[in-house]
Amino acid sequence: MRFLITLFALLFLALPASALDVKMGANGSLLFEPSELNIKSGDTIHFVNEALPPHNVIVEDHSEVSHNDLAFAPGESFDITFDEPGDYNFWCDPHKGAGMTGMIHVS
């Protein structure tokens, strides 16, 4: 019995951090969907180019997690992991002026 409890505990602790999909250019608009997220430290956000490329993700004052490379093809994607708690403003550099911005809250 002790073995099963230990095995269960090890499996639970070994689970990867969760990932959340964010669409870039969602439904043919210059938006992130969702544009505001609440995640936990260590979680990964999976950004997927849906339409109206090119898109990238610039995180204000955090070049270490920004993704400067542009995603051109539909379905092209990249992941960003947020390890530190805080609030992160982000935007698509080519479309920031059009309102393609968002906020990530990391607890």
N, C-alpha and C. Protein backbone atom coordinates (compact mmCIF):
# COMPACT_ATOMS: atom_id res chain seq x y z
N MET A 1 0.82 -1.19 0.00
CA MET A 1 0.00 0.00 0.00
C MET A 1 0.86 1.26 0.00
N ARG A 2 1.91 1.24 0.80
CA ARG A 2 2.81 2.39 0.86
C ARG A 2 3.44 2.64 -0.51
N PHE A 3 3.74 1.55 -1.23
CA PHE A 3 4.29 1.67 -2.57
C PHE A 3 3.33 2.41 -3.50
N LEU A 4 2.05 2.07 -3.47
CA LEU A 4 1.06 2.72 -4.32
C LEU A 4 0.92 4.21 -4.00
N ILE A 5 0.94 4.54 -2.74
CA ILE A 5 0.84 5.94 -2.34
C ILE A 5 2.06 6.71 -2.84
N THR A 6 3.24 6.12 -2.70
CA THR A 6 4.46 6.76 -3.19
C THR A 6 4.43 6.91 -4.70
N LEU A 7 4.00 5.88 -5.40
CA LEU A 7 3.91 5.93 -6.86
C LEU A 7 2.94 7.01 -7.30
N PHE A 8 1.78 7.08 -6.68
CA PHE A 8 0.79 8.11 -7.00
C PHE A 8 1.36 9.51 -6.77
N ALA A 9 2.03 9.70 -5.66
CA ALA A 9 2.61 11.01 -5.34
C ALA A 9 3.66 11.40 -6.37
N LEU A 10 4.50 10.46 -6.79
CA LEU A 10 5.53 10.75 -7.79
C LEU A 10 4.90 11.09 -9.13
N LEU A 11 3.87 10.39 -9.53
CA LEU A 11 3.19 10.69 -10.78
C LEU A 11 2.55 12.07 -10.73
N PHE A 12 1.93 12.41 -9.63
CA PHE A 12 1.29 13.71 -9.49
C PHE A 12 2.32 14.82 -9.57
N LEU A 13 3.44 14.66 -8.92
CA LEU A 13 4.48 15.69 -8.92
C LEU A 13 5.17 15.80 -10.26
N ALA A 14 5.15 14.74 -11.06
CA ALA A 14 5.83 14.74 -12.35
C ALA A 14 4.95 15.27 -13.48
N LEU A 15 3.71 15.61 -13.21
CA LEU A 15 2.84 16.13 -14.25
C LEU A 15 3.38 17.44 -14.78
N PRO A 16 3.32 17.64 -16.11
CA PRO A 16 3.82 18.89 -16.67
C PRO A 16 2.90 20.05 -16.30
N ALA A 17 3.47 21.26 -16.35
CA ALA A 17 2.64 22.45 -16.15
C ALA A 17 1.62 22.52 -17.27
N SER A 18 0.51 23.15 -17.00
CA SER A 18 -0.56 23.20 -17.99
C SER A 18 -0.22 24.18 -19.10
N ALA A 19 -0.85 23.99 -20.25
CA ALA A 19 -0.69 24.89 -21.39
C ALA A 19 -2.06 25.40 -21.81
N LEU A 20 -2.11 26.63 -22.22
CA LEU A 20 -3.34 27.27 -22.65
C LEU A 20 -3.13 27.79 -24.06
N ASP A 21 -4.08 27.54 -24.96
CA ASP A 21 -3.99 28.03 -26.33
C ASP A 21 -4.52 29.45 -26.43
N VAL A 22 -3.79 30.29 -27.14
CA VAL A 22 -4.23 31.64 -27.47
C VAL A 22 -4.14 31.78 -28.98
N LYS A 23 -5.26 32.17 -29.59
CA LYS A 23 -5.30 32.37 -31.04
C LYS A 23 -4.84 33.78 -31.37
N MET A 24 -3.98 33.89 -32.36
CA MET A 24 -3.54 35.19 -32.85
C MET A 24 -4.27 35.46 -34.16
N GLY A 25 -4.96 36.60 -34.25
CA GLY A 25 -5.77 36.89 -35.42
C GLY A 25 -7.05 36.08 -35.40
N ALA A 26 -7.58 35.88 -34.20
CA ALA A 26 -8.77 35.04 -34.01
C ALA A 26 -9.94 35.52 -34.85
N ASN A 27 -10.57 34.60 -35.53
CA ASN A 27 -11.77 34.86 -36.34
C ASN A 27 -11.56 35.98 -37.36
N GLY A 28 -10.34 36.09 -37.88
CA GLY A 28 -10.05 37.09 -38.90
C GLY A 28 -9.97 38.51 -38.37
N SER A 29 -9.76 38.66 -37.07
CA SER A 29 -9.64 40.00 -36.49
C SER A 29 -8.23 40.17 -35.93
N LEU A 30 -7.84 41.39 -35.70
CA LEU A 30 -6.52 41.66 -35.14
C LEU A 30 -6.61 41.66 -33.62
N LEU A 31 -6.86 40.46 -33.08
CA LEU A 31 -7.02 40.27 -31.64
C LEU A 31 -6.34 38.98 -31.21
N PHE A 32 -6.02 38.92 -29.93
CA PHE A 32 -5.66 37.66 -29.28
C PHE A 32 -6.93 37.12 -28.66
N GLU A 33 -7.13 35.81 -28.73
CA GLU A 33 -8.31 35.20 -28.12
C GLU A 33 -7.89 34.01 -27.29
N PRO A 34 -7.96 34.07 -25.97
CA PRO A 34 -8.39 35.21 -25.16
C PRO A 34 -7.27 36.25 -25.05
N SER A 35 -7.66 37.47 -24.71
CA SER A 35 -6.67 38.54 -24.59
C SER A 35 -6.26 38.80 -23.15
N GLU A 36 -6.97 38.21 -22.21
CA GLU A 36 -6.59 38.31 -20.80
C GLU A 36 -6.60 36.90 -20.22
N LEU A 37 -5.50 36.56 -19.54
CA LEU A 37 -5.35 35.20 -19.02
C LEU A 37 -4.91 35.24 -17.58
N ASN A 38 -5.35 34.24 -16.83
CA ASN A 38 -4.89 34.01 -15.46
C ASN A 38 -4.26 32.63 -15.43
N ILE A 39 -2.96 32.59 -15.13
CA ILE A 39 -2.24 31.33 -15.11
C ILE A 39 -1.42 31.24 -13.83
N LYS A 40 -0.82 30.08 -13.62
CA LYS A 40 0.06 29.88 -12.48
C LYS A 40 1.51 29.91 -12.94
N SER A 41 2.39 30.27 -12.03
CA SER A 41 3.81 30.28 -12.32
C SER A 41 4.23 28.91 -12.86
N GLY A 42 4.97 28.92 -13.95
CA GLY A 42 5.41 27.68 -14.59
C GLY A 42 4.51 27.22 -15.72
N ASP A 43 3.34 27.85 -15.88
CA ASP A 43 2.44 27.48 -16.96
C ASP A 43 2.97 27.99 -18.30
N THR A 44 2.57 27.30 -19.35
CA THR A 44 2.98 27.64 -20.71
C THR A 44 1.76 28.08 -21.51
N ILE A 45 1.94 29.12 -22.29
CA ILE A 45 0.89 29.58 -23.21
C ILE A 45 1.33 29.21 -24.61
N HIS A 46 0.42 28.57 -25.34
CA HIS A 46 0.66 28.12 -26.71
C HIS A 46 -0.04 29.11 -27.64
N PHE A 47 0.74 29.95 -28.33
CA PHE A 47 0.19 30.95 -29.25
C PHE A 47 0.11 30.34 -30.64
N VAL A 48 -1.08 30.42 -31.27
CA VAL A 48 -1.31 29.82 -32.57
C VAL A 48 -1.78 30.90 -33.55
N ASN A 49 -1.12 30.99 -34.70
CA ASN A 49 -1.52 31.93 -35.74
C ASN A 49 -2.78 31.41 -36.42
N GLU A 50 -3.85 32.18 -36.34
CA GLU A 50 -5.09 31.76 -36.97
C GLU A 50 -5.32 32.48 -38.29
N ALA A 51 -5.11 33.81 -38.32
CA ALA A 51 -5.39 34.56 -39.55
C ALA A 51 -4.70 35.92 -39.49
N LEU A 52 -4.72 36.61 -40.63
CA LEU A 52 -4.18 37.96 -40.78
C LEU A 52 -2.75 38.10 -40.27
N PRO A 53 -1.83 37.23 -40.75
CA PRO A 53 -0.45 37.32 -40.29
C PRO A 53 0.24 38.56 -40.85
N PRO A 54 1.44 38.86 -40.39
CA PRO A 54 2.26 38.10 -39.45
C PRO A 54 1.99 38.54 -38.02
N HIS A 55 2.27 37.63 -37.07
CA HIS A 55 2.07 37.92 -35.65
C HIS A 55 3.28 37.47 -34.84
N ASN A 56 3.49 38.16 -33.74
CA ASN A 56 4.47 37.75 -32.75
C ASN A 56 3.94 38.17 -31.38
N VAL A 57 4.71 37.95 -30.34
CA VAL A 57 4.30 38.35 -28.99
C VAL A 57 5.47 39.05 -28.31
N ILE A 58 5.25 40.32 -28.01
CA ILE A 58 6.23 41.11 -27.28
C ILE A 58 5.66 41.32 -25.88
N VAL A 59 6.44 40.95 -24.87
CA VAL A 59 6.01 41.11 -23.48
C VAL A 59 6.75 42.32 -22.92
N GLU A 60 5.99 43.33 -22.50
CA GLU A 60 6.57 44.58 -22.04
C GLU A 60 7.59 44.37 -20.92
N ASP A 61 8.78 44.91 -21.12
CA ASP A 61 9.87 44.85 -20.14
C ASP A 61 10.36 43.44 -19.85
N HIS A 62 10.04 42.48 -20.72
CA HIS A 62 10.47 41.09 -20.50
C HIS A 62 10.91 40.46 -21.82
N SER A 63 12.04 40.91 -22.32
CA SER A 63 12.55 40.34 -23.57
C SER A 63 12.86 38.85 -23.45
N GLU A 64 13.12 38.39 -22.21
CA GLU A 64 13.46 36.98 -22.01
C GLU A 64 12.31 36.04 -22.33
N VAL A 65 11.08 36.52 -22.32
CA VAL A 65 9.94 35.67 -22.67
C VAL A 65 9.24 36.12 -23.94
N SER A 66 9.65 37.25 -24.52
CA SER A 66 9.06 37.71 -25.77
C SER A 66 9.43 36.77 -26.91
N HIS A 67 8.54 36.69 -27.90
CA HIS A 67 8.81 35.90 -29.10
C HIS A 67 8.82 36.88 -30.28
N ASN A 68 10.02 37.33 -30.66
CA ASN A 68 10.16 38.36 -31.68
C ASN A 68 9.93 37.85 -33.10
N ASP A 69 10.21 36.58 -33.35
CA ASP A 69 10.05 36.03 -34.69
C ASP A 69 8.58 36.07 -35.09
N LEU A 70 8.33 36.40 -36.36
CA LEU A 70 6.97 36.50 -36.86
C LEU A 70 6.44 35.15 -37.33
N ALA A 71 5.19 34.87 -36.98
CA ALA A 71 4.49 33.68 -37.46
C ALA A 71 3.68 34.09 -38.68
N PHE A 72 4.00 33.52 -39.84
CA PHE A 72 3.33 33.90 -41.08
C PHE A 72 2.24 32.92 -41.50
N ALA A 73 2.50 31.64 -41.39
CA ALA A 73 1.58 30.63 -41.91
C ALA A 73 0.46 30.32 -40.93
N PRO A 74 -0.75 30.11 -41.45
CA PRO A 74 -1.84 29.66 -40.57
C PRO A 74 -1.44 28.36 -39.88
N GLY A 75 -1.69 28.29 -38.58
CA GLY A 75 -1.33 27.11 -37.81
C GLY A 75 0.05 27.17 -37.20
N GLU A 76 0.89 28.10 -37.67
CA GLU A 76 2.22 28.25 -37.09
C GLU A 76 2.06 28.66 -35.63
N SER A 77 2.92 28.12 -34.76
CA SER A 77 2.73 28.36 -33.33
C SER A 77 4.06 28.42 -32.60
N PHE A 78 3.98 28.90 -31.37
CA PHE A 78 5.13 28.91 -30.47
C PHE A 78 4.62 28.95 -29.04
N ASP A 79 5.48 28.56 -28.11
CA ASP A 79 5.12 28.50 -26.69
C ASP A 79 5.94 29.50 -25.89
N ILE A 80 5.30 30.07 -24.88
CA ILE A 80 5.99 30.93 -23.93
C ILE A 80 5.62 30.47 -22.53
N THR A 81 6.64 30.22 -21.70
CA THR A 81 6.43 29.80 -20.32
C THR A 81 6.71 30.97 -19.39
N PHE A 82 5.81 31.17 -18.44
CA PHE A 82 5.93 32.25 -17.47
C PHE A 82 6.26 31.65 -16.11
N ASP A 83 7.50 31.85 -15.67
CA ASP A 83 7.97 31.26 -14.42
C ASP A 83 7.84 32.17 -13.21
N GLU A 84 7.71 33.46 -13.44
CA GLU A 84 7.67 34.43 -12.35
C GLU A 84 6.27 35.03 -12.20
N PRO A 85 5.76 35.09 -10.97
CA PRO A 85 4.46 35.74 -10.74
C PRO A 85 4.52 37.22 -11.13
N GLY A 86 3.39 37.75 -11.54
CA GLY A 86 3.28 39.16 -11.90
C GLY A 86 2.26 39.36 -12.99
N ASP A 87 2.09 40.61 -13.39
CA ASP A 87 1.19 40.98 -14.49
C ASP A 87 2.04 41.35 -15.69
N TYR A 88 1.71 40.79 -16.84
CA TYR A 88 2.51 40.97 -18.04
C TYR A 88 1.64 41.54 -19.16
N ASN A 89 1.92 42.77 -19.59
CA ASN A 89 1.30 43.35 -20.78
C ASN A 89 2.00 42.75 -22.00
N PHE A 90 1.23 42.38 -23.01
CA PHE A 90 1.83 41.85 -24.23
C PHE A 90 1.09 42.37 -25.45
N TRP A 91 1.75 42.30 -26.61
CA TRP A 91 1.14 42.75 -27.85
C TRP A 91 1.81 42.08 -29.03
N CYS A 92 1.14 42.18 -30.17
CA CYS A 92 1.70 41.79 -31.46
C CYS A 92 2.36 43.04 -32.02
N ASP A 93 3.66 42.98 -32.27
CA ASP A 93 4.38 44.18 -32.70
C ASP A 93 3.81 44.80 -33.98
N PRO A 94 3.53 44.01 -35.05
CA PRO A 94 3.00 44.64 -36.25
C PRO A 94 1.58 45.22 -36.08
N HIS A 95 0.84 44.74 -35.08
CA HIS A 95 -0.57 45.13 -34.96
C HIS A 95 -0.91 45.80 -33.64
N LYS A 96 0.09 46.23 -32.89
CA LYS A 96 -0.18 46.88 -31.61
C LYS A 96 -1.07 48.12 -31.79
N GLY A 97 -0.77 48.91 -32.82
CA GLY A 97 -1.55 50.11 -33.09
C GLY A 97 -3.00 49.83 -33.43
N ALA A 98 -3.29 48.62 -33.90
CA ALA A 98 -4.66 48.22 -34.23
C ALA A 98 -5.37 47.64 -33.01
N GLY A 99 -4.67 47.58 -31.86
CA GLY A 99 -5.30 47.09 -30.64
C GLY A 99 -5.06 45.63 -30.32
N MET A 100 -4.10 45.00 -30.99
CA MET A 100 -3.81 43.59 -30.72
C MET A 100 -2.89 43.51 -29.50
N THR A 101 -3.52 43.58 -28.34
CA THR A 101 -2.80 43.63 -27.06
C THR A 101 -3.48 42.68 -26.08
N GLY A 102 -2.81 42.44 -24.95
CA GLY A 102 -3.40 41.59 -23.93
C GLY A 102 -2.68 41.70 -22.60
N MET A 103 -3.17 40.93 -21.64
CA MET A 103 -2.62 40.93 -20.29
C MET A 103 -2.61 39.50 -19.78
N ILE A 104 -1.47 39.13 -19.16
CA ILE A 104 -1.34 37.82 -18.53
C ILE A 104 -1.07 38.04 -17.05
N HIS A 105 -1.91 37.44 -16.21
CA HIS A 105 -1.74 37.50 -14.75
C HIS A 105 -1.19 36.16 -14.30
N VAL A 106 0.01 36.18 -13.70
CA VAL A 106 0.66 34.95 -13.26
C VAL A 106 0.69 34.96 -11.73
N SER A 107 0.09 33.92 -11.14
CA SER A 107 0.08 33.81 -9.67
C SER A 107 1.06 32.76 -9.20
